[in-house]
Amino acid sequence: MPRVQEHPEHPEGGRKYGAHQMEIYRDGILHNRLPTVTCDSNKLEAQAKKFLGARSFNYVAGGAGERATMDANRLAFRQWKVEAPDPLLATTFESPLLIAPVGVQTIFHHDKETGMAEIATEIGLPYILSTAASSSIEEVAKANGDGARWFQLYWPQDNEITKSLLHRAKSNGYKVLIVTLDTWALAWRPADLDNAYVPFASGIGDQTGFSDPVFRAKFAAKHDNKTPEDDIFLASREWEADVFSGAAHTWEELELIKQAWDGPIVLKGIQHVEDAKKAVEMGIQGIVVSNHGGRQLDGAIGSLEVLPEIVEAVGDKLTVLFDSGVRTGVDVIKALCLGAKGVLIGR
């Protein structure tokens, strides 16, 4: 798990992130070459919308309902001001940043999760693979090489499938398990509904299940030896019904996860002090204070608002990570100053 420590001096030839802006200026002055991706965080969505199709953009940019929770996330950040920041905090990794589990990346770029995992290794950030991936657990592990990788679980109802997923992740070098608590059913997302589009229905983002031997065996036994590839629509419905079943798991059921996973376990989607305390009681090693970036429940509290009280309650007992609403480096600093040991960055 990440822990705060003194920031080590960069070794000779190590990464010097602050030099990046000088490279941009140099390329512009000497080669008349502008950045491919805008440096203005307020323009990133507009640039993405220009290059992505409506379905892909709305899936990644949309939120639940009228996006009130997304607005609350941003408002929570704007209410905190930076005065005299501490020296850059570091963890056992080179940076307090982690690449958040973003699913169905093939609808954004043909390199999908394998490309992102490869880049994560190059820049020294832990990569968190989503269950809703368009690349398999094994493919991402190979692309990630000797990089740090964690696995995020959308918890199936079928215990045998759950155990199989965890076994595959552990066998392929994923060191930390993140169990997402807030997505046992898909949210009401108007941008997706207006396009009548969810990628999973056509098999996109179902690769974790389609490549799983237990899921494949159960599917074959139920459907006259068919494979998921023989009937993608049917297989997608069965996978979704198990992963996004509409039925939440209980705290007691975490014992199954603890028995099947012998590494650190992090619960993602904690928004209340009492839930954070319960995680401690259950012997969990970490939590992510998160409202899923506003994608799951419209009208929820901004995650940054509850971060300080959660850190005060349990910060000395487990590792507190954070995501939701992060757009800039200043946002990261604010979350760290309010007690987070690491910040997940995603869409």
Protein backbone atom coordinates (compact mmCIF):
# COMPACT_ATOMS: atom_id res chain seq x y z
CA MET A 1 0.00 0.00 0.00
CA PRO A 2 1.23 3.56 -0.61
CA ARG A 3 2.74 5.34 2.37
CA VAL A 4 4.06 8.85 2.84
CA GLN A 5 7.82 9.16 3.10
CA GLU A 6 10.52 11.74 2.53
CA HIS A 7 10.74 12.69 -1.13
CA PRO A 8 13.88 11.06 -2.56
CA GLU A 9 16.16 13.02 -4.82
CA HIS A 10 15.72 12.05 -8.45
CA PRO A 11 18.57 9.82 -9.59
CA GLU A 12 20.68 11.04 -12.46
CA GLY A 13 18.62 10.69 -15.61
CA GLY A 14 15.40 10.23 -13.60
CA ARG A 15 12.08 11.79 -14.48
CA LYS A 16 11.89 15.57 -14.22
CA TYR A 17 8.23 16.37 -14.79
CA GLY A 18 8.72 20.12 -14.41
CA ALA A 19 10.84 20.17 -17.56
CA HIS A 20 7.84 19.19 -19.66
CA GLN A 21 6.62 22.76 -20.09
CA MET A 22 10.04 23.82 -21.35
CA GLU A 23 9.88 21.04 -23.94
CA ILE A 24 6.54 22.42 -25.11
CA TYR A 25 7.96 25.93 -25.45
CA ARG A 26 11.04 24.63 -27.25
CA ASP A 27 8.98 22.61 -29.73
CA GLY A 28 6.82 25.64 -30.45
CA ILE A 29 9.68 28.09 -30.90
CA LEU A 30 12.07 25.84 -32.81
CA HIS A 31 9.69 23.59 -34.73
CA ASN A 32 6.38 25.46 -34.76
CA ARG A 33 4.84 22.39 -33.15
CA LEU A 34 1.94 22.78 -30.72
CA PRO A 35 0.88 20.28 -28.04
CA THR A 36 -1.32 17.46 -29.32
CA VAL A 37 -3.44 17.64 -26.17
CA THR A 38 -4.46 21.00 -24.72
CA CYS A 39 -2.72 22.14 -21.55
CA ASP A 40 -5.88 23.91 -20.36
CA SER A 41 -7.89 21.53 -18.19
CA ASN A 42 -11.04 23.53 -18.93
CA LYS A 43 -10.69 22.73 -22.64
CA LEU A 44 -10.01 19.00 -22.36
CA GLU A 45 -13.66 17.94 -22.62
CA ALA A 46 -14.23 20.11 -25.70
CA GLN A 47 -11.14 18.69 -27.36
CA ALA A 48 -12.19 15.12 -26.56
CA LYS A 49 -15.67 15.79 -27.92
CA LYS A 50 -14.17 16.97 -31.20
CA PHE A 51 -12.33 13.69 -31.78
CA LEU A 52 -14.63 11.11 -30.17
CA GLY A 53 -17.98 10.02 -31.51
CA ALA A 54 -21.08 11.10 -29.58
CA ARG A 55 -21.56 7.69 -28.00
CA SER A 56 -17.96 7.36 -26.80
CA PHE A 57 -17.80 10.93 -25.52
CA ASN A 58 -21.13 10.79 -23.71
CA TYR A 59 -20.24 7.48 -22.07
CA VAL A 60 -17.01 8.81 -20.55
CA ALA A 61 -18.10 12.41 -19.90
CA GLY A 62 -21.63 11.77 -18.70
CA GLY A 63 -22.86 11.49 -15.15
CA ALA A 64 -25.91 10.31 -13.29
CA GLY A 65 -29.13 12.31 -13.63
CA GLU A 66 -28.58 16.04 -14.10
CA ARG A 67 -24.90 15.70 -13.11
CA ALA A 68 -25.46 17.39 -9.74
CA THR A 69 -22.92 15.12 -8.05
CA MET A 70 -20.32 15.98 -10.70
CA ASP A 71 -20.97 19.67 -10.02
CA ALA A 72 -20.66 19.05 -6.27
CA ASN A 73 -17.27 17.43 -6.80
CA ARG A 74 -15.93 20.50 -8.59
CA LEU A 75 -17.51 22.91 -6.10
CA ALA A 76 -15.89 21.03 -3.23
CA PHE A 77 -12.46 21.58 -4.77
CA ARG A 78 -13.07 25.27 -5.48
CA GLN A 79 -13.97 25.90 -1.84
CA TRP A 80 -10.47 24.95 -0.71
CA LYS A 81 -7.61 27.36 -1.42
CA VAL A 82 -3.89 26.71 -1.68
CA GLU A 83 -1.68 29.07 0.29
CA ALA A 84 1.77 27.70 1.09
CA PRO A 85 1.92 24.11 -0.13
CA ASP A 86 4.16 21.57 1.54
CA PRO A 87 7.00 20.06 -0.48
CA LEU A 88 5.74 17.52 -2.99
CA LEU A 89 4.62 14.42 -1.15
CA ALA A 90 5.83 11.06 -2.37
CA THR A 91 4.88 7.48 -1.74
CA THR A 92 6.72 4.23 -2.16
CA PHE A 93 6.07 4.92 -5.84
CA GLU A 94 7.58 7.91 -7.63
CA SER A 95 4.33 9.86 -7.37
CA PRO A 96 1.16 9.95 -5.24
CA LEU A 97 -0.85 9.51 -8.46
CA LEU A 98 -2.47 6.26 -9.55
CA ILE A 99 -4.20 5.60 -12.86
CA ALA A 100 -7.84 4.98 -11.98
CA PRO A 101 -9.82 2.00 -13.30
CA VAL A 102 -11.54 3.34 -16.40
CA GLY A 103 -13.43 0.72 -18.40
CA VAL A 104 -14.12 0.10 -22.10
CA GLN A 105 -11.09 2.06 -23.22
CA THR A 106 -11.32 0.67 -26.74
CA ILE A 107 -14.12 3.17 -27.46
CA PHE A 108 -11.65 5.99 -26.83
CA HIS A 109 -8.53 4.67 -28.58
CA HIS A 110 -7.54 1.49 -30.38
CA ASP A 111 -4.63 0.95 -27.95
CA LYS A 112 -7.27 0.42 -25.21
CA GLU A 113 -6.18 -0.75 -21.73
CA THR A 114 -3.03 -2.47 -22.92
CA GLY A 115 -1.69 0.81 -24.27
CA MET A 116 -2.50 2.64 -21.07
CA ALA A 117 -0.87 -0.08 -18.97
CA GLU A 118 2.28 0.14 -21.06
CA ILE A 119 2.46 3.91 -20.63
CA ALA A 120 1.87 3.56 -16.88
CA THR A 121 5.02 1.47 -16.62
CA GLU A 122 6.98 4.02 -18.65
CA ILE A 123 6.00 6.93 -16.39
CA GLY A 124 6.16 4.97 -13.14
CA LEU A 125 2.50 5.08 -12.06
CA PRO A 126 0.48 2.14 -10.73
CA TYR A 127 -2.13 1.03 -13.25
CA ILE A 128 -5.53 -0.12 -11.97
CA LEU A 129 -7.35 -2.42 -14.38
CA SER A 130 -11.14 -2.19 -14.46
CA THR A 131 -13.32 -5.29 -14.52
CA ALA A 132 -15.18 -3.53 -17.35
CA ALA A 133 -12.13 -3.74 -19.61
CA SER A 134 -11.86 -4.34 -23.32
CA SER A 135 -8.55 -6.16 -22.72
CA SER A 136 -8.12 -9.32 -20.66
CA ILE A 137 -6.38 -9.53 -17.29
CA GLU A 138 -3.56 -11.45 -18.94
CA GLU A 139 -3.13 -9.06 -21.88
CA VAL A 140 -2.85 -6.05 -19.59
CA ALA A 141 -0.35 -7.81 -17.33
CA LYS A 142 1.86 -8.57 -20.33
CA ALA A 143 1.68 -4.97 -21.57
CA ASN A 144 2.36 -3.62 -18.09
CA GLY A 145 5.51 -5.72 -17.77
CA ASP A 146 7.37 -5.01 -14.55
CA GLY A 147 5.10 -2.06 -13.71
CA ALA A 148 2.90 -1.84 -10.63
CA ARG A 149 -0.64 -3.04 -11.32
CA TRP A 150 -3.79 -3.36 -9.24
CA PHE A 151 -7.09 -5.01 -10.11
CA GLN A 152 -10.49 -3.37 -9.62
CA LEU A 153 -13.38 -5.74 -9.04
CA TYR A 154 -16.99 -5.22 -9.99
CA TRP A 155 -18.10 -7.95 -7.64
CA PRO A 156 -20.11 -10.73 -9.38
CA GLN A 157 -22.94 -12.52 -7.58
CA ASP A 158 -21.48 -15.90 -8.60
CA ASN A 159 -18.81 -16.81 -6.04
CA GLU A 160 -17.05 -19.24 -8.36
CA ILE A 161 -16.62 -16.55 -11.00
CA THR A 162 -15.44 -14.08 -8.35
CA LYS A 163 -12.79 -16.50 -7.14
CA SER A 164 -11.68 -17.19 -10.71
CA LEU A 165 -11.22 -13.48 -11.46
CA LEU A 166 -9.17 -12.98 -8.29
CA HIS A 167 -7.05 -16.05 -9.01
CA ARG A 168 -6.27 -14.78 -12.51
CA ALA A 169 -5.36 -11.34 -11.22
CA LYS A 170 -3.11 -12.69 -8.49
CA SER A 171 -1.44 -15.14 -10.85
CA ASN A 172 -0.67 -12.31 -13.26
CA GLY A 173 1.07 -10.01 -10.82
CA TYR A 174 -1.71 -7.68 -9.67
CA LYS A 175 -0.68 -6.73 -6.14
CA VAL A 176 -3.68 -4.84 -4.73
CA LEU A 177 -7.39 -5.55 -5.07
CA ILE A 178 -9.84 -2.65 -5.27
CA VAL A 179 -13.46 -3.68 -4.64
CA THR A 180 -15.94 -1.14 -5.98
CA LEU A 181 -19.01 -0.86 -3.75
CA ASP A 182 -21.21 1.65 -5.57
CA THR A 183 -21.85 -0.01 -8.93
CA TRP A 184 -23.96 -3.11 -8.33
CA ALA A 185 -26.41 -1.56 -10.83
CA LEU A 186 -25.83 0.85 -13.69
CA ALA A 187 -26.92 4.43 -13.03
CA TRP A 188 -29.52 6.51 -14.86
CA ARG A 189 -27.24 8.36 -17.28
CA PRO A 190 -29.25 10.61 -19.63
CA ALA A 191 -26.40 11.14 -22.13
CA ASP A 192 -26.15 7.38 -22.71
CA LEU A 193 -29.92 6.89 -22.66
CA ASP A 194 -30.47 9.59 -25.28
CA ASN A 195 -28.10 7.67 -27.56
CA ALA A 196 -29.65 4.33 -26.51
CA TYR A 197 -26.09 3.16 -25.95
CA VAL A 198 -24.25 1.11 -23.38
CA PRO A 199 -21.10 -0.61 -24.66
CA PHE A 200 -21.50 -3.81 -22.64
CA ALA A 201 -24.61 -4.86 -24.55
CA SER A 202 -22.50 -5.46 -27.67
CA GLY A 203 -19.65 -7.16 -25.85
CA ILE A 204 -17.46 -4.06 -25.50
CA GLY A 205 -16.01 -3.93 -22.00
CA ASP A 206 -16.91 -7.56 -21.29
CA GLN A 207 -13.49 -9.06 -22.00
CA THR A 208 -12.77 -9.84 -18.35
CA GLY A 209 -15.80 -12.13 -18.30
CA PHE A 210 -15.57 -13.48 -21.83
CA SER A 211 -11.97 -14.58 -21.19
CA ASP A 212 -12.72 -16.16 -17.83
CA PRO A 213 -12.65 -19.99 -17.85
CA VAL A 214 -15.34 -20.36 -15.20
CA PHE A 215 -17.73 -17.96 -16.92
CA ARG A 216 -17.08 -19.67 -20.26
CA ALA A 217 -17.71 -23.12 -18.79
CA LYS A 218 -20.96 -22.04 -17.15
CA PHE A 219 -22.10 -20.32 -20.34
CA ALA A 220 -21.35 -23.42 -22.42
CA ALA A 221 -23.16 -25.71 -19.98
CA LYS A 222 -26.23 -23.50 -20.04
CA HIS A 223 -26.34 -22.83 -23.79
CA ASP A 224 -25.55 -26.05 -25.64
CA ASN A 225 -21.74 -25.64 -25.66
CA LYS A 226 -21.84 -22.15 -27.08
CA THR A 227 -18.94 -19.77 -26.45
CA PRO A 228 -19.44 -16.06 -25.75
CA GLU A 229 -18.12 -15.38 -29.24
CA ASP A 230 -20.92 -17.54 -30.72
CA ASP A 231 -23.60 -15.29 -29.24
CA ILE A 232 -22.11 -12.03 -28.02
CA PHE A 233 -25.46 -10.43 -27.21
CA LEU A 234 -26.59 -13.35 -25.06
CA ALA A 235 -23.19 -13.63 -23.35
CA SER A 236 -23.18 -9.90 -22.66
CA ARG A 237 -26.58 -10.10 -21.01
CA GLU A 238 -25.45 -12.99 -18.80
CA TRP A 239 -22.22 -11.24 -17.78
CA GLU A 240 -24.02 -7.98 -17.02
CA ALA A 241 -26.68 -9.82 -15.02
CA ASP A 242 -23.99 -11.26 -12.79
CA VAL A 243 -21.78 -8.17 -12.40
CA PHE A 244 -24.45 -5.43 -12.43
CA SER A 245 -27.17 -7.55 -10.91
CA GLY A 246 -29.00 -4.86 -8.97
CA ALA A 247 -28.25 -6.70 -5.72
CA ALA A 248 -25.63 -5.26 -3.38
CA HIS A 249 -23.22 -7.41 -1.38
CA THR A 250 -23.05 -7.26 2.41
CA TRP A 251 -20.19 -6.50 4.77
CA GLU A 252 -20.22 -10.13 5.89
CA GLU A 253 -19.63 -11.29 2.33
CA LEU A 254 -16.25 -9.56 2.38
CA GLU A 255 -14.96 -12.66 4.16
CA LEU A 256 -15.12 -14.47 0.81
CA ILE A 257 -12.94 -11.78 -0.77
CA LYS A 258 -10.46 -11.93 2.12
CA GLN A 259 -10.20 -15.70 1.80
CA ALA A 260 -9.69 -15.56 -1.98
CA TRP A 261 -7.18 -12.68 -1.98
CA ASP A 262 -4.06 -12.76 0.17
CA GLY A 263 -2.88 -9.23 -0.66
CA PRO A 264 -4.05 -5.74 0.33
CA ILE A 265 -7.75 -5.02 -0.20
CA VAL A 266 -9.10 -1.52 -0.84
CA LEU A 267 -12.80 -0.60 -0.77
CA LYS A 268 -13.76 2.03 -3.35
CA GLY A 269 -16.87 4.18 -2.92
CA ILE A 270 -16.65 5.15 0.75
CA GLN A 271 -18.52 8.42 1.46
CA HIS A 272 -19.36 8.16 5.16
CA VAL A 273 -17.30 7.98 8.34
CA GLU A 274 -19.26 5.01 9.68
CA ASP A 275 -18.52 2.99 6.54
CA ALA A 276 -14.84 3.88 6.84
CA LYS A 277 -14.87 2.66 10.46
CA LYS A 278 -16.60 -0.53 9.37
CA ALA A 279 -13.82 -1.11 6.84
CA VAL A 280 -11.31 -0.88 9.67
CA GLU A 281 -13.39 -3.30 11.74
CA MET A 282 -13.40 -5.76 8.83
CA GLY A 283 -9.60 -5.70 8.61
CA ILE A 284 -9.46 -3.90 5.26
CA GLN A 285 -6.15 -2.26 4.35
CA GLY A 286 -7.41 0.78 2.43
CA ILE A 287 -10.36 2.78 1.13
CA VAL A 288 -10.99 5.15 -1.75
CA VAL A 289 -13.14 8.13 -0.81
CA SER A 290 -15.15 8.37 -4.02
CA ASN A 291 -18.60 8.88 -5.52
CA HIS A 292 -17.55 7.31 -8.82
CA GLY A 293 -16.93 10.74 -10.29
CA GLY A 294 -20.65 11.50 -10.13
CA ARG A 295 -21.50 8.66 -12.52
CA GLN A 296 -23.58 6.56 -10.13
CA LEU A 297 -25.81 8.62 -7.82
CA ASP A 298 -27.06 12.06 -8.73
CA GLY A 299 -27.31 14.47 -5.82
CA ALA A 300 -24.58 12.86 -3.70
CA ILE A 301 -22.16 14.87 -1.60
CA GLY A 302 -18.88 15.96 -3.21
CA SER A 303 -16.23 13.44 -2.14
CA LEU A 304 -13.71 16.08 -1.13
CA GLU A 305 -16.19 17.42 1.42
CA VAL A 306 -16.07 14.20 3.44
CA LEU A 307 -12.38 13.43 2.95
CA PRO A 308 -11.10 15.38 6.02
CA GLU A 309 -13.51 13.80 8.50
CA ILE A 310 -12.88 10.32 7.13
CA VAL A 311 -9.12 10.84 7.39
CA GLU A 312 -9.55 12.12 10.95
CA ALA A 313 -11.58 9.05 11.87
CA VAL A 314 -9.52 6.27 10.28
CA GLY A 315 -6.46 7.78 8.62
CA ASP A 316 -4.10 6.26 11.17
CA LYS A 317 -5.65 2.79 10.79
CA LEU A 318 -5.70 2.24 7.03
CA THR A 319 -4.61 3.89 3.80
CA VAL A 320 -7.02 6.56 2.54
CA LEU A 321 -6.97 7.20 -1.21
CA PHE A 322 -9.16 9.64 -3.14
CA ASP A 323 -10.86 10.19 -6.46
CA SER A 324 -13.84 12.13 -7.92
CA GLY A 325 -13.68 15.61 -9.38
CA VAL A 326 -9.90 15.79 -9.82
CA ARG A 327 -8.93 17.88 -12.85
CA THR A 328 -5.62 19.60 -12.10
CA GLY A 329 -2.39 19.28 -10.16
CA VAL A 330 -3.74 21.81 -7.67
CA ASP A 331 -6.70 19.50 -7.07
CA VAL A 332 -4.26 16.69 -6.30
CA ILE A 333 -2.38 18.90 -3.83
CA LYS A 334 -5.62 19.81 -2.08
CA ALA A 335 -6.62 16.16 -1.69
CA LEU A 336 -3.17 15.29 -0.33
CA CYS A 337 -3.21 18.22 2.08
CA LEU A 338 -6.61 17.05 3.34
CA GLY A 339 -5.13 13.69 4.22
CA ALA A 340 -5.29 11.42 1.17
CA LYS A 341 -2.18 9.27 0.72
CA GLY A 342 -2.75 8.94 -3.02
CA VAL A 343 -5.05 10.28 -5.73
CA LEU A 344 -6.61 8.30 -8.57
CA ILE A 345 -6.81 10.11 -11.90
CA GLY A 346 -9.12 8.85 -14.63
CA ARG A 347 -11.38 10.45 -17.17
